[in-house]
Protein backbone atom coordinates (compact mmCIF):
# COMPACT_ATOMS: atom_id res chain seq x y z
CA GLN A 1 11.57 6.79 -22.33
CA VAL A 2 10.67 3.99 -19.95
CA GLN A 3 7.09 4.33 -18.82
CA LEU A 4 3.83 2.66 -17.86
CA VAL A 5 0.58 4.51 -18.47
CA GLU A 6 -2.62 3.27 -16.84
CA SER A 7 -6.10 4.08 -18.10
CA GLY A 8 -9.69 2.92 -17.70
CA GLY A 9 -10.41 4.00 -14.16
CA GLY A 10 -13.51 5.89 -13.15
CA LEU A 11 -16.68 5.91 -11.09
CA VAL A 12 -18.83 2.77 -11.14
CA GLN A 13 -21.75 1.50 -9.10
CA PRO A 14 -21.42 -1.54 -6.85
CA GLY A 15 -21.78 -4.70 -8.92
CA GLY A 16 -20.46 -2.99 -12.01
CA SER A 17 -17.36 -3.65 -14.12
CA LEU A 18 -14.30 -1.79 -15.32
CA ARG A 19 -11.35 -2.76 -17.48
CA LEU A 20 -8.01 -1.19 -16.70
CA SER A 21 -5.21 -1.00 -19.25
CA CYS A 22 -1.51 -0.33 -18.82
CA ALA A 23 0.48 0.66 -21.89
CA ALA A 24 4.21 -0.03 -21.67
CA SER A 25 6.97 1.67 -23.64
CA GLY A 26 10.73 2.08 -23.59
CA PHE A 27 11.57 -1.42 -22.38
CA THR A 28 11.10 -5.08 -23.38
CA PHE A 29 7.60 -5.71 -22.09
CA SER A 30 7.61 -9.41 -22.89
CA SER A 31 10.55 -10.08 -20.56
CA HIS A 32 8.90 -8.47 -17.53
CA PHE A 33 6.73 -9.95 -14.82
CA MET A 34 3.70 -7.66 -14.52
CA SER A 35 1.42 -6.82 -11.62
CA TRP A 36 -1.45 -4.62 -10.55
CA TYR A 37 -1.33 -2.99 -7.13
CA ARG A 38 -3.81 -0.72 -5.42
CA GLN A 39 -3.73 1.78 -2.60
CA ALA A 40 -6.79 2.99 -0.76
CA PRO A 41 -6.74 6.19 1.34
CA GLY A 42 -4.92 5.63 4.60
CA LYS A 43 -3.86 2.11 3.67
CA GLU A 44 -0.70 0.39 2.46
CA ARG A 45 -0.26 -0.39 -1.22
CA GLU A 46 -1.29 -4.01 -1.81
CA LEU A 47 -0.79 -6.53 -4.57
CA VAL A 48 -3.98 -7.26 -6.49
CA ALA A 49 -2.87 -9.59 -9.26
CA ALA A 50 0.28 -10.69 -11.06
CA ILE A 51 1.12 -12.46 -14.30
CA THR A 52 4.25 -14.08 -15.68
CA ASN A 53 6.06 -12.64 -18.69
CA THR A 54 4.51 -15.22 -21.02
CA GLY A 55 1.05 -14.89 -19.51
CA ASP A 56 0.73 -18.58 -18.72
CA ASN A 57 0.49 -18.15 -14.96
CA SER A 58 -1.23 -15.62 -12.74
CA ASN A 59 -2.18 -15.15 -9.13
CA TYR A 60 -4.60 -12.98 -7.19
CA ALA A 61 -5.22 -11.49 -3.79
CA ASP A 62 -7.90 -13.45 -1.94
CA SER A 63 -10.11 -10.36 -1.88
CA VAL A 64 -10.42 -10.28 -5.69
CA LYS A 65 -10.31 -13.97 -6.65
CA GLY A 66 -13.18 -14.90 -8.91
CA ARG A 67 -13.97 -11.26 -9.69
CA PHE A 68 -10.80 -9.86 -11.30
CA THR A 69 -8.81 -11.22 -14.25
CA ILE A 70 -5.31 -10.12 -15.19
CA SER A 71 -4.10 -10.58 -18.77
CA ARG A 72 -1.49 -9.25 -21.15
CA ASP A 73 -0.91 -8.80 -24.87
CA ASN A 74 2.81 -8.89 -25.57
CA ARG A 75 2.24 -7.86 -29.19
CA LYS A 76 0.61 -4.64 -28.00
CA ASN A 77 2.85 -4.14 -24.94
CA THR A 78 -0.27 -3.84 -22.81
CA LEU A 79 -1.41 -5.22 -19.47
CA TYR A 80 -5.08 -5.49 -18.52
CA LEU A 81 -7.20 -5.93 -15.42
CA GLN A 82 -10.82 -6.90 -15.92
CA MET A 83 -12.74 -6.09 -12.75
CA ASN A 84 -16.23 -7.49 -12.27
CA ILE A 85 -18.73 -7.42 -9.40
CA LEU A 86 -17.00 -4.36 -8.00
CA LYS A 87 -17.45 -3.52 -4.34
CA PRO A 88 -17.00 -0.24 -2.46
CA GLU A 89 -13.92 -1.73 -0.81
CA ASP A 90 -12.30 -1.96 -4.25
CA THR A 91 -12.07 1.83 -4.30
CA ALA A 92 -8.41 2.78 -4.63
CA VAL A 93 -5.75 4.09 -6.95
CA TYR A 94 -4.62 1.19 -9.14
CA TYR A 95 -1.00 0.99 -10.22
CA CYS A 96 0.70 -1.04 -12.91
CA ASN A 97 4.12 -2.51 -12.09
CA ALA A 98 6.81 -4.14 -14.20
CA ARG A 99 9.65 -6.20 -12.74
CA ASN A 100 12.58 -7.72 -14.61
CA ALA A 101 14.74 -10.73 -13.71
CA LEU A 102 17.15 -8.49 -11.78
CA GLY A 103 14.34 -7.12 -9.64
CA ARG A 104 14.25 -3.67 -11.20
CA ARG A 105 10.76 -2.19 -10.91
CA ILE A 106 8.90 0.32 -13.02
CA TRP A 107 5.71 1.99 -11.75
CA GLY A 108 2.90 3.76 -13.53
CA GLN A 109 1.28 6.94 -12.27
CA GLY A 110 -1.94 5.21 -11.22
CA THR A 111 -5.60 5.41 -12.16
CA GLN A 112 -8.43 6.09 -9.72
CA VAL A 113 -11.23 3.55 -9.32
CA THR A 114 -14.23 4.61 -7.25
CA VAL A 115 -17.06 2.20 -6.49
CA SER A 116 -20.05 4.04 -5.11
CA SER A 117 -23.79 4.39 -5.56
């Protein structure tokens, strides 16, 4: 069964940190370009960070540069998002996405991140 399962979300105070994980199964993880997206209430889903299939290149939305780090472990079929210096505006549901060379996309179910005091 092809699936992506996110975990690690929760409630954190401003300035705090969280590490999201995305476990992949049912497809060749190492051949897929991986991304994290987020969607806040009433807003469009937006790209947060992306990483190549080998992990040697990544890019970030301007709003998270210097605070978030995307990484992957192809031996464990897992994608990560380390989030530091969290702000209330980072509150959203975070989704993991896989895309192959043909453009086929796989989405996870999402994990809620809430930044609040």
